Amino acid sequence: SFAYLEKNCSEGPIFDGYLAAGGGARPAPLNSYEPIILSGKSYFDS
């Protein structure tokens, strides 16, 4: 949602690399009122 917005990366990458551990491919909610939409069997389901 944010790393590749033109206003953020026009002068180069925000971050040069990522290491995400203990999770999957599900994105976090954007605000406190957006629930995590679960499908499949687990919070980690991708």
All heavy atoms as atom14 arrays in JSON, in Angstrom:
{
  "sequence": "SFAYLEKNCSEGPIFDGYLAAGGGARPAPLNSYEPIILSGKSYFDS",
  "atom14_mask": [
    [1, 1, 1, 1, 1, 1, 0, 0, 0, 0, 0, 0, 0, 0],
    [1, 1, 1, 1, 1, 1, 1, 1, 1, 1, 1, 0, 0, 0],
    [1, 1, 1, 1, 1, 0, 0, 0, 0, 0, 0, 0, 0, 0],
    [1, 1, 1, 1, 1, 1, 1, 1, 1, 1, 1, 1, 0, 0],
    [1, 1, 1, 1, 1, 1, 1, 1, 0, 0, 0, 0, 0, 0],
    [1, 1, 1, 1, 1, 1, 1, 1, 1, 0, 0, 0, 0, 0],
    [1, 1, 1, 1, 1, 1, 1, 1, 1, 0, 0, 0, 0, 0],
    [1, 1, 1, 1, 1, 1, 1, 1, 0, 0, 0, 0, 0, 0],
    [1, 1, 1, 1, 1, 1, 0, 0, 0, 0, 0, 0, 0, 0],
    [1, 1, 1, 1, 1, 1, 0, 0, 0, 0, 0, 0, 0, 0],
    [1, 1, 1, 1, 1, 1, 1, 1, 1, 0, 0, 0, 0, 0],
    [1, 1, 1, 1, 0, 0, 0, 0, 0, 0, 0, 0, 0, 0],
    [1, 1, 1, 1, 1, 1, 1, 0, 0, 0, 0, 0, 0, 0],
    [1, 1, 1, 1, 1, 1, 1, 1, 0, 0, 0, 0, 0, 0],
    [1, 1, 1, 1, 1, 1, 1, 1, 1, 1, 1, 0, 0, 0],
    [1, 1, 1, 1, 1, 1, 1, 1, 0, 0, 0, 0, 0, 0],
    [1, 1, 1, 1, 0, 0, 0, 0, 0, 0, 0, 0, 0, 0],
    [1, 1, 1, 1, 1, 1, 1, 1, 1, 1, 1, 1, 0, 0],
    [1, 1, 1, 1, 1, 1, 1, 1, 0, 0, 0, 0, 0, 0],
    [1, 1, 1, 1, 1, 0, 0, 0, 0, 0, 0, 0, 0, 0],
    [1, 1, 1, 1, 1, 0, 0, 0, 0, 0, 0, 0, 0, 0],
    [1, 1, 1, 1, 0, 0, 0, 0, 0, 0, 0, 0, 0, 0],
    [1, 1, 1, 1, 0, 0, 0, 0, 0, 0, 0, 0, 0, 0],
    [1, 1, 1, 1, 0, 0, 0, 0, 0, 0, 0, 0, 0, 0],
    [1, 1, 1, 1, 1, 0, 0, 0, 0, 0, 0, 0, 0, 0],
    [1, 1, 1, 1, 1, 1, 1, 1, 1, 1, 1, 0, 0, 0],
    [1, 1, 1, 1, 1, 1, 1, 0, 0, 0, 0, 0, 0, 0],
    [1, 1, 1, 1, 1, 0, 0, 0, 0, 0, 0, 0, 0, 0],
    [1, 1, 1, 1, 1, 1, 1, 0, 0, 0, 0, 0, 0, 0],
    [1, 1, 1, 1, 1, 1, 1, 1, 0, 0, 0, 0, 0, 0],
    [1, 1, 1, 1, 1, 1, 1, 1, 0, 0, 0, 0, 0, 0],
    [1, 1, 1, 1, 1, 1, 0, 0, 0, 0, 0, 0, 0, 0],
    [1, 1, 1, 1, 1, 1, 1, 1, 1, 1, 1, 1, 0, 0],
    [1, 1, 1, 1, 1, 1, 1, 1, 1, 0, 0, 0, 0, 0],
    [1, 1, 1, 1, 1, 1, 1, 0, 0, 0, 0, 0, 0, 0],
    [1, 1, 1, 1, 1, 1, 1, 1, 0, 0, 0, 0, 0, 0],
    [1, 1, 1, 1, 1, 1, 1, 1, 0, 0, 0, 0, 0, 0],
    [1, 1, 1, 1, 1, 1, 1, 1, 0, 0, 0, 0, 0, 0],
    [1, 1, 1, 1, 1, 1, 0, 0, 0, 0, 0, 0, 0, 0],
    [1, 1, 1, 1, 0, 0, 0, 0, 0, 0, 0, 0, 0, 0],
    [1, 1, 1, 1, 1, 1, 1, 1, 1, 0, 0, 0, 0, 0],
    [1, 1, 1, 1, 1, 1, 0, 0, 0, 0, 0, 0, 0, 0],
    [1, 1, 1, 1, 1, 1, 1, 1, 1, 1, 1, 1, 0, 0],
    [1, 1, 1, 1, 1, 1, 1, 1, 1, 1, 1, 0, 0, 0],
    [1, 1, 1, 1, 1, 1, 1, 1, 0, 0, 0, 0, 0, 0],
    [1, 1, 1, 1, 1, 1, 0, 0, 0, 0, 0, 0, 0, 0]
  ],
  "atom14_positions": [
    [[0.78, -1.24, 0.0], [0.0, 0.0, 0.0], [0.81, 1.29, 0.0], [0.29, 2.33, -0.44], [-0.94, 0.02, 1.22], [-1.87, -1.04, 1.18], [0.0, 0.0, 0.0], [0.0, 0.0, 0.0], [0.0, 0.0, 0.0], [0.0, 0.0, 0.0], [0.0, 0.0, 0.0], [0.0, 0.0, 0.0], [0.0, 0.0, 0.0], [0.0, 0.0, 0.0]],
    [[2.06, 1.27, 0.48], [2.77, 2.53, 0.68], [4.14, 2.62, 0.02], [4.54, 3.71, -0.41], [2.91, 2.82, 2.18], [1.61, 3.03, 2.88], [1.01, 2.0, 3.57], [0.97, 4.26, 2.83], [-0.22, 2.17, 4.22], [-0.25, 4.45, 3.46], [-0.85, 3.41, 4.16], [0.0, 0.0, 0.0], [0.0, 0.0, 0.0], [0.0, 0.0, 0.0]],
    [[4.86, 1.52, -0.04], [6.26, 1.58, -0.47], [6.43, 2.15, -1.87], [7.44, 2.81, -2.16], [6.89, 0.19, -0.4], [0.0, 0.0, 0.0], [0.0, 0.0, 0.0], [0.0, 0.0, 0.0], [0.0, 0.0, 0.0], [0.0, 0.0, 0.0], [0.0, 0.0, 0.0], [0.0, 0.0, 0.0], [0.0, 0.0, 0.0], [0.0, 0.0, 0.0]],
    [[5.43, 1.94, -2.74], [5.62, 2.31, -4.13], [4.66, 3.4, -4.6], [4.46, 3.59, -5.8], [5.53, 1.06, -5.01], [6.52, 0.02, -4.53], [6.1, -1.21, -4.04], [7.88, 0.31, -4.49], [7.01, -2.13, -3.56], [8.8, -0.6, -4.01], [8.36, -1.82, -3.54], [9.27, -2.73, -3.04], [0.0, 0.0, 0.0], [0.0, 0.0, 0.0]],
    [[4.08, 4.13, -3.65], [3.37, 5.34, -4.02], [4.37, 6.34, -4.58], [5.48, 6.48, -4.06], [2.66, 5.94, -2.81], [1.51, 5.13, -2.19], [0.98, 5.84, -0.94], [0.39, 4.91, -3.19], [0.0, 0.0, 0.0], [0.0, 0.0, 0.0], [0.0, 0.0, 0.0], [0.0, 0.0, 0.0], [0.0, 0.0, 0.0], [0.0, 0.0, 0.0]],
    [[3.99, 7.05, -5.62], [4.91, 7.97, -6.28], [5.49, 8.98, -5.31], [6.69, 9.31, -5.34], [4.2, 8.68, -7.43], [5.07, 9.68, -8.17], [6.29, 9.07, -8.84], [6.24, 7.86, -9.18], [7.3, 9.79, -8.99], [0.0, 0.0, 0.0], [0.0, 0.0, 0.0], [0.0, 0.0, 0.0], [0.0, 0.0, 0.0], [0.0, 0.0, 0.0]],
    [[4.66, 9.48, -4.39], [5.14, 10.5, -3.45], [6.17, 9.94, -2.48], [6.93, 10.7, -1.87], [3.96, 11.09, -2.68], [3.28, 10.1, -1.74], [2.18, 10.77, -0.94], [1.53, 9.79, 0.05], [0.5, 10.45, 0.89], [0.0, 0.0, 0.0], [0.0, 0.0, 0.0], [0.0, 0.0, 0.0], [0.0, 0.0, 0.0], [0.0, 0.0, 0.0]],
    [[6.2, 8.61, -2.32], [7.11, 8.0, -1.36], [8.42, 7.55, -1.98], [9.46, 7.58, -1.32], [6.44, 6.81, -0.68], [5.35, 7.24, 0.28], [5.3, 8.4, 0.69], [4.46, 6.33, 0.62], [0.0, 0.0, 0.0], [0.0, 0.0, 0.0], [0.0, 0.0, 0.0], [0.0, 0.0, 0.0], [0.0, 0.0, 0.0], [0.0, 0.0, 0.0]],
    [[8.39, 7.08, -3.23], [9.58, 6.45, -3.79], [10.17, 7.2, -4.97], [11.02, 6.65, -5.68], [9.28, 5.01, -4.18], [8.09, 4.83, -5.52], [0.0, 0.0, 0.0], [0.0, 0.0, 0.0], [0.0, 0.0, 0.0], [0.0, 0.0, 0.0], [0.0, 0.0, 0.0], [0.0, 0.0, 0.0], [0.0, 0.0, 0.0], [0.0, 0.0, 0.0]],
    [[9.75, 8.42, -5.2], [10.23, 9.16, -6.37], [11.73, 9.43, -6.3], [12.4, 9.57, -7.33], [9.47, 10.49, -6.51], [9.63, 11.29, -5.34], [0.0, 0.0, 0.0], [0.0, 0.0, 0.0], [0.0, 0.0, 0.0], [0.0, 0.0, 0.0], [0.0, 0.0, 0.0], [0.0, 0.0, 0.0], [0.0, 0.0, 0.0], [0.0, 0.0, 0.0]],
    [[12.29, 9.49, -5.09], [13.71, 9.76, -4.93], [14.5, 8.51, -4.54], [15.65, 8.61, -4.14], [13.91, 10.85, -3.89], [13.28, 12.19, -4.28], [13.49, 13.26, -3.24], [14.17, 12.99, -2.24], [12.99, 14.39, -3.45], [0.0, 0.0, 0.0], [0.0, 0.0, 0.0], [0.0, 0.0, 0.0], [0.0, 0.0, 0.0], [0.0, 0.0, 0.0]],
    [[13.88, 7.35, -4.69], [14.54, 6.11, -4.32], [13.69, 5.33, -3.34], [12.66, 5.81, -2.87], [0.0, 0.0, 0.0], [0.0, 0.0, 0.0], [0.0, 0.0, 0.0], [0.0, 0.0, 0.0], [0.0, 0.0, 0.0], [0.0, 0.0, 0.0], [0.0, 0.0, 0.0], [0.0, 0.0, 0.0], [0.0, 0.0, 0.0], [0.0, 0.0, 0.0]],
    [[14.11, 4.1, -3.02], [13.28, 3.26, -2.16], [13.19, 3.79, -0.74], [14.13, 4.4, -0.23], [14.01, 1.91, -2.19], [15.43, 2.26, -2.5], [15.36, 3.43, -3.43], [0.0, 0.0, 0.0], [0.0, 0.0, 0.0], [0.0, 0.0, 0.0], [0.0, 0.0, 0.0], [0.0, 0.0, 0.0], [0.0, 0.0, 0.0], [0.0, 0.0, 0.0]],
    [[12.04, 3.55, -0.12], [11.89, 3.89, 1.3], [12.76, 2.95, 2.12], [13.52, 3.37, 3.0], [10.42, 3.77, 1.74], [9.55, 4.77, 0.96], [10.28, 4.02, 3.24], [9.87, 6.22, 1.25], [0.0, 0.0, 0.0], [0.0, 0.0, 0.0], [0.0, 0.0, 0.0], [0.0, 0.0, 0.0], [0.0, 0.0, 0.0], [0.0, 0.0, 0.0]],
    [[12.67, 1.65, 1.83], [13.51, 0.65, 2.48], [14.25, -0.14, 1.41], [13.74, -0.37, 0.32], [12.66, -0.29, 3.35], [11.99, 0.42, 4.49], [10.66, 0.79, 4.42], [12.7, 0.74, 5.64], [10.04, 1.47, 5.45], [12.11, 1.42, 6.69], [10.78, 1.79, 6.6], [0.0, 0.0, 0.0], [0.0, 0.0, 0.0], [0.0, 0.0, 0.0]],
    [[15.45, -0.59, 1.75], [16.29, -1.31, 0.79], [16.08, -2.81, 0.83], [16.51, -3.52, -0.09], [17.76, -1.0, 1.07], [18.07, 0.49, 0.91], [18.03, 0.96, -0.24], [18.32, 1.16, 1.93], [0.0, 0.0, 0.0], [0.0, 0.0, 0.0], [0.0, 0.0, 0.0], [0.0, 0.0, 0.0], [0.0, 0.0, 0.0], [0.0, 0.0, 0.0]],
    [[15.44, -3.31, 1.88], [15.19, -4.73, 1.99], [14.24, -5.01, 3.13], [14.03, -4.16, 4.01], [0.0, 0.0, 0.0], [0.0, 0.0, 0.0], [0.0, 0.0, 0.0], [0.0, 0.0, 0.0], [0.0, 0.0, 0.0], [0.0, 0.0, 0.0], [0.0, 0.0, 0.0], [0.0, 0.0, 0.0], [0.0, 0.0, 0.0], [0.0, 0.0, 0.0]],
    [[13.65, -6.21, 3.1], [12.64, -6.59, 4.09], [12.91, -8.01, 4.6], [13.27, -8.9, 3.83], [11.24, -6.57, 3.46], [10.84, -5.23, 2.88], [11.11, -4.92, 1.55], [10.18, -4.28, 3.65], [10.75, -3.7, 1.01], [9.81, -3.06, 3.11], [10.09, -2.77, 1.78], [9.73, -1.56, 1.24], [0.0, 0.0, 0.0], [0.0, 0.0, 0.0]],
    [[12.72, -8.2, 5.9], [12.73, -9.54, 6.49], [11.53, -9.64, 7.4], [11.48, -9.0, 8.46], [14.02, -9.84, 7.25], [14.22, -11.3, 7.61], [15.7, -11.68, 7.65], [13.57, -11.67, 8.95], [0.0, 0.0, 0.0], [0.0, 0.0, 0.0], [0.0, 0.0, 0.0], [0.0, 0.0, 0.0], [0.0, 0.0, 0.0], [0.0, 0.0, 0.0]],
    [[10.53, -10.42, 6.96], [9.29, -10.6, 7.72], [9.28, -12.02, 8.28], [9.44, -12.98, 7.52], [8.08, -10.37, 6.82], [0.0, 0.0, 0.0], [0.0, 0.0, 0.0], [0.0, 0.0, 0.0], [0.0, 0.0, 0.0], [0.0, 0.0, 0.0], [0.0, 0.0, 0.0], [0.0, 0.0, 0.0], [0.0, 0.0, 0.0], [0.0, 0.0, 0.0]],
    [[9.08, -12.16, 9.57], [9.19, -13.47, 10.21], [7.93, -13.82, 11.0], [7.28, -12.95, 11.57], [10.4, -13.52, 11.13], [0.0, 0.0, 0.0], [0.0, 0.0, 0.0], [0.0, 0.0, 0.0], [0.0, 0.0, 0.0], [0.0, 0.0, 0.0], [0.0, 0.0, 0.0], [0.0, 0.0, 0.0], [0.0, 0.0, 0.0], [0.0, 0.0, 0.0]],
    [[7.6, -15.1, 11.02], [6.49, -15.57, 11.83], [5.12, -15.15, 11.34], [4.16, -15.13, 12.1], [0.0, 0.0, 0.0], [0.0, 0.0, 0.0], [0.0, 0.0, 0.0], [0.0, 0.0, 0.0], [0.0, 0.0, 0.0], [0.0, 0.0, 0.0], [0.0, 0.0, 0.0], [0.0, 0.0, 0.0], [0.0, 0.0, 0.0], [0.0, 0.0, 0.0]],
    [[5.01, -14.8, 10.06], [3.73, -14.37, 9.51], [3.53, -14.92, 8.11], [4.25, -15.81, 7.67], [0.0, 0.0, 0.0], [0.0, 0.0, 0.0], [0.0, 0.0, 0.0], [0.0, 0.0, 0.0], [0.0, 0.0, 0.0], [0.0, 0.0, 0.0], [0.0, 0.0, 0.0], [0.0, 0.0, 0.0], [0.0, 0.0, 0.0], [0.0, 0.0, 0.0]],
    [[2.54, -14.37, 7.41], [2.25, -14.82, 6.06], [2.18, -13.67, 5.1], [2.99, -12.75, 5.16], [0.0, 0.0, 0.0], [0.0, 0.0, 0.0], [0.0, 0.0, 0.0], [0.0, 0.0, 0.0], [0.0, 0.0, 0.0], [0.0, 0.0, 0.0], [0.0, 0.0, 0.0], [0.0, 0.0, 0.0], [0.0, 0.0, 0.0], [0.0, 0.0, 0.0]],
    [[1.19, -13.71, 4.2], [1.05, -12.68, 3.18], [-0.16, -11.79, 3.41], [-0.51, -10.99, 2.55], [0.96, -13.33, 1.8], [0.0, 0.0, 0.0], [0.0, 0.0, 0.0], [0.0, 0.0, 0.0], [0.0, 0.0, 0.0], [0.0, 0.0, 0.0], [0.0, 0.0, 0.0], [0.0, 0.0, 0.0], [0.0, 0.0, 0.0], [0.0, 0.0, 0.0]],
    [[-0.78, -11.91, 4.57], [-1.96, -11.11, 4.85], [-1.56, -9.71, 5.3], [-0.72, -9.55, 6.2], [-2.79, -11.78, 5.94], [-4.12, -11.1, 6.21], [-4.89, -11.84, 7.29], [-5.03, -13.23, 6.95], [-5.89, -13.72, 6.04], [-6.64, -12.9, 5.36], [-5.97, -15.0, 5.81], [0.0, 0.0, 0.0], [0.0, 0.0, 0.0], [0.0, 0.0, 0.0]],
    [[-2.12, -8.65, 4.71], [-1.78, -7.29, 5.14], [-2.52, -6.9, 6.4], [-3.68, -7.29, 6.62], [-2.22, -6.43, 3.95], [-3.34, -7.19, 3.31], [-3.01, -8.65, 3.52], [0.0, 0.0, 0.0], [0.0, 0.0, 0.0], [0.0, 0.0, 0.0], [0.0, 0.0, 0.0], [0.0, 0.0, 0.0], [0.0, 0.0, 0.0], [0.0, 0.0, 0.0]],
    [[-1.89, -6.1, 7.23], [-2.53, -5.57, 8.43], [-3.63, -4.59, 8.04], [-3.6, -3.99, 6.97], [-1.48, -4.86, 9.29], [0.0, 0.0, 0.0], [0.0, 0.0, 0.0], [0.0, 0.0, 0.0], [0.0, 0.0, 0.0], [0.0, 0.0, 0.0], [0.0, 0.0, 0.0], [0.0, 0.0, 0.0], [0.0, 0.0, 0.0], [0.0, 0.0, 0.0]],
    [[-4.62, -4.39, 8.9], [-5.64, -3.36, 8.63], [-5.0, -1.99, 8.54], [-3.98, -1.72, 9.18], [-6.56, -3.46, 9.85], [-6.31, -4.8, 10.44], [-4.87, -5.11, 10.16], [0.0, 0.0, 0.0], [0.0, 0.0, 0.0], [0.0, 0.0, 0.0], [0.0, 0.0, 0.0], [0.0, 0.0, 0.0], [0.0, 0.0, 0.0], [0.0, 0.0, 0.0]],
    [[-5.62, -1.1, 7.78], [-5.09, 0.25, 7.63], [-5.45, 1.16, 8.79], [-4.78, 2.18, 9.01], [-5.58, 0.86, 6.32], [-4.75, 0.52, 5.08], [-5.44, 0.97, 3.82], [-3.37, 1.16, 5.17], [0.0, 0.0, 0.0], [0.0, 0.0, 0.0], [0.0, 0.0, 0.0], [0.0, 0.0, 0.0], [0.0, 0.0, 0.0], [0.0, 0.0, 0.0]],
    [[-6.5, 0.83, 9.52], [-6.86, 1.65, 10.68], [-7.49, 0.77, 11.75], [-7.73, -0.43, 11.53], [-7.79, 2.8, 10.28], [-9.11, 2.31, 9.7], [-9.92, 1.69, 10.41], [-9.36, 2.57, 8.41], [0.0, 0.0, 0.0], [0.0, 0.0, 0.0], [0.0, 0.0, 0.0], [0.0, 0.0, 0.0], [0.0, 0.0, 0.0], [0.0, 0.0, 0.0]],
    [[-7.77, 1.34, 12.89], [-8.27, 0.55, 14.04], [-9.65, -0.04, 13.81], [-10.04, -0.97, 14.53], [-8.31, 1.44, 15.29], [-7.02, 1.78, 15.71], [0.0, 0.0, 0.0], [0.0, 0.0, 0.0], [0.0, 0.0, 0.0], [0.0, 0.0, 0.0], [0.0, 0.0, 0.0], [0.0, 0.0, 0.0], [0.0, 0.0, 0.0], [0.0, 0.0, 0.0]],
    [[-10.38, 0.49, 12.85], [-11.76, 0.06, 12.65], [-11.9, -0.97, 11.53], [-12.98, -1.5, 11.33], [-12.65, 1.27, 12.37], [-12.81, 2.17, 13.58], [-11.8, 3.04, 13.96], [-13.96, 2.12, 14.37], [-11.92, 3.86, 15.08], [-14.1, 2.93, 15.48], [-13.07, 3.79, 15.83], [-13.22, 4.59, 16.95], [0.0, 0.0, 0.0], [0.0, 0.0, 0.0]],
    [[-10.83, -1.23, 10.81], [-10.87, -2.25, 9.78], [-10.48, -3.59, 10.4], [-9.36, -3.74, 10.9], [-9.9, -1.92, 8.64], [-10.38, -0.83, 7.72], [-9.47, -0.65, 6.51], [-8.44, -1.33, 6.43], [-9.8, 0.2, 5.67], [0.0, 0.0, 0.0], [0.0, 0.0, 0.0], [0.0, 0.0, 0.0], [0.0, 0.0, 0.0], [0.0, 0.0, 0.0]],
    [[-11.38, -4.57, 10.38], [-11.03, -5.87, 10.96], [-10.08, -6.64, 10.06], [-10.0, -6.39, 8.85], [-12.38, -6.58, 11.06], [-13.18, -5.99, 9.94], [-12.74, -4.55, 9.85], [0.0, 0.0, 0.0], [0.0, 0.0, 0.0], [0.0, 0.0, 0.0], [0.0, 0.0, 0.0], [0.0, 0.0, 0.0], [0.0, 0.0, 0.0], [0.0, 0.0, 0.0]],
    [[-9.36, -7.58, 10.65], [-8.59, -8.52, 9.86], [-9.57, -9.54, 9.31], [-10.28, -10.21, 10.06], [-7.52, -9.22, 10.72], [-6.48, -8.21, 11.19], [-6.85, -10.34, 9.94], [-5.47, -8.79, 12.14], [0.0, 0.0, 0.0], [0.0, 0.0, 0.0], [0.0, 0.0, 0.0], [0.0, 0.0, 0.0], [0.0, 0.0, 0.0], [0.0, 0.0, 0.0]],
    [[-9.65, -9.64, 8.0], [-10.58, -10.57, 7.38], [-9.92, -11.94, 7.33], [-8.94, -12.15, 6.62], [-10.97, -10.12, 5.97], [-11.5, -8.68, 6.01], [-11.99, -11.06, 5.37], [-12.72, -8.51, 6.87], [0.0, 0.0, 0.0], [0.0, 0.0, 0.0], [0.0, 0.0, 0.0], [0.0, 0.0, 0.0], [0.0, 0.0, 0.0], [0.0, 0.0, 0.0]],
    [[-10.45, -12.86, 8.1], [-9.87, -14.2, 8.16], [-10.55, -15.13, 7.17], [-11.78, -15.16, 7.07], [-10.01, -14.77, 9.57], [-9.18, -14.09, 10.66], [-9.45, -14.75, 11.99], [-7.7, -14.14, 10.34], [0.0, 0.0, 0.0], [0.0, 0.0, 0.0], [0.0, 0.0, 0.0], [0.0, 0.0, 0.0], [0.0, 0.0, 0.0], [0.0, 0.0, 0.0]],
    [[-9.77, -15.87, 6.43], [-10.29, -16.95, 5.6], [-9.39, -18.14, 5.81], [-8.24, -18.01, 6.21], [-10.3, -16.54, 4.12], [-8.99, -16.27, 3.68], [0.0, 0.0, 0.0], [0.0, 0.0, 0.0], [0.0, 0.0, 0.0], [0.0, 0.0, 0.0], [0.0, 0.0, 0.0], [0.0, 0.0, 0.0], [0.0, 0.0, 0.0], [0.0, 0.0, 0.0]],
    [[-9.89, -19.33, 5.53], [-9.09, -20.5, 5.8], [-9.04, -20.8, 7.28], [-9.9, -20.4, 8.05], [0.0, 0.0, 0.0], [0.0, 0.0, 0.0], [0.0, 0.0, 0.0], [0.0, 0.0, 0.0], [0.0, 0.0, 0.0], [0.0, 0.0, 0.0], [0.0, 0.0, 0.0], [0.0, 0.0, 0.0], [0.0, 0.0, 0.0], [0.0, 0.0, 0.0]],
    [[-7.98, -21.44, 7.71], [-7.96, -21.97, 9.07], [-7.19, -21.12, 10.07], [-7.18, -21.43, 11.25], [-7.36, -23.38, 9.05], [-5.87, -23.43, 8.77], [-5.37, -24.86, 8.86], [-3.86, -24.91, 8.86], [-3.37, -26.29, 9.04], [0.0, 0.0, 0.0], [0.0, 0.0, 0.0], [0.0, 0.0, 0.0], [0.0, 0.0, 0.0], [0.0, 0.0, 0.0]],
    [[-6.52, -20.09, 9.63], [-5.59, -19.45, 10.54], [-5.34, -18.0, 10.21], [-5.49, -17.56, 9.07], [-4.25, -20.21, 10.51], [-3.22, -19.49, 11.12], [0.0, 0.0, 0.0], [0.0, 0.0, 0.0], [0.0, 0.0, 0.0], [0.0, 0.0, 0.0], [0.0, 0.0, 0.0], [0.0, 0.0, 0.0], [0.0, 0.0, 0.0], [0.0, 0.0, 0.0]],
    [[-4.93, -17.24, 11.23], [-4.48, -15.86, 11.05], [-3.3, -15.8, 10.09], [-3.09, -14.8, 9.41], [-4.08, -15.31, 12.41], [-3.43, -13.95, 12.37], [-4.13, -12.83, 11.95], [-2.12, -13.79, 12.77], [-3.54, -11.58, 11.92], [-1.51, -12.54, 12.75], [-2.23, -11.45, 12.32], [-1.64, -10.22, 12.3], [0.0, 0.0, 0.0], [0.0, 0.0, 0.0]],
    [[-2.52, -16.88, 10.0], [-1.34, -16.88, 9.15], [-1.65, -17.26, 7.71], [-0.79, -17.21, 6.85], [-0.3, -17.87, 9.69], [0.12, -17.58, 11.1], [-0.22, -18.43, 12.13], [0.86, -16.44, 11.38], [0.17, -18.15, 13.42], [1.24, -16.15, 12.68], [0.91, -17.02, 13.7], [0.0, 0.0, 0.0], [0.0, 0.0, 0.0], [0.0, 0.0, 0.0]],
    [[-2.89, -17.7, 7.42], [-3.24, -18.15, 6.08], [-2.93, -17.06, 5.06], [-3.27, -15.9, 5.25], [-4.72, -18.51, 6.03], [-5.16, -19.03, 4.67], [-4.29, -19.51, 3.93], [-6.35, -18.95, 4.37], [0.0, 0.0, 0.0], [0.0, 0.0, 0.0], [0.0, 0.0, 0.0], [0.0, 0.0, 0.0], [0.0, 0.0, 0.0], [0.0, 0.0, 0.0]],
    [[-2.29, -17.45, 3.96], [-1.87, -16.46, 2.96], [-2.71, -16.53, 1.69], [-2.41, -15.84, 0.73], [-0.4, -16.67, 2.6], [-0.24, -17.93, 1.97], [0.0, 0.0, 0.0], [0.0, 0.0, 0.0], [0.0, 0.0, 0.0], [0.0, 0.0, 0.0], [0.0, 0.0, 0.0], [0.0, 0.0, 0.0], [0.0, 0.0, 0.0], [0.0, 0.0, 0.0]]
  ]
}
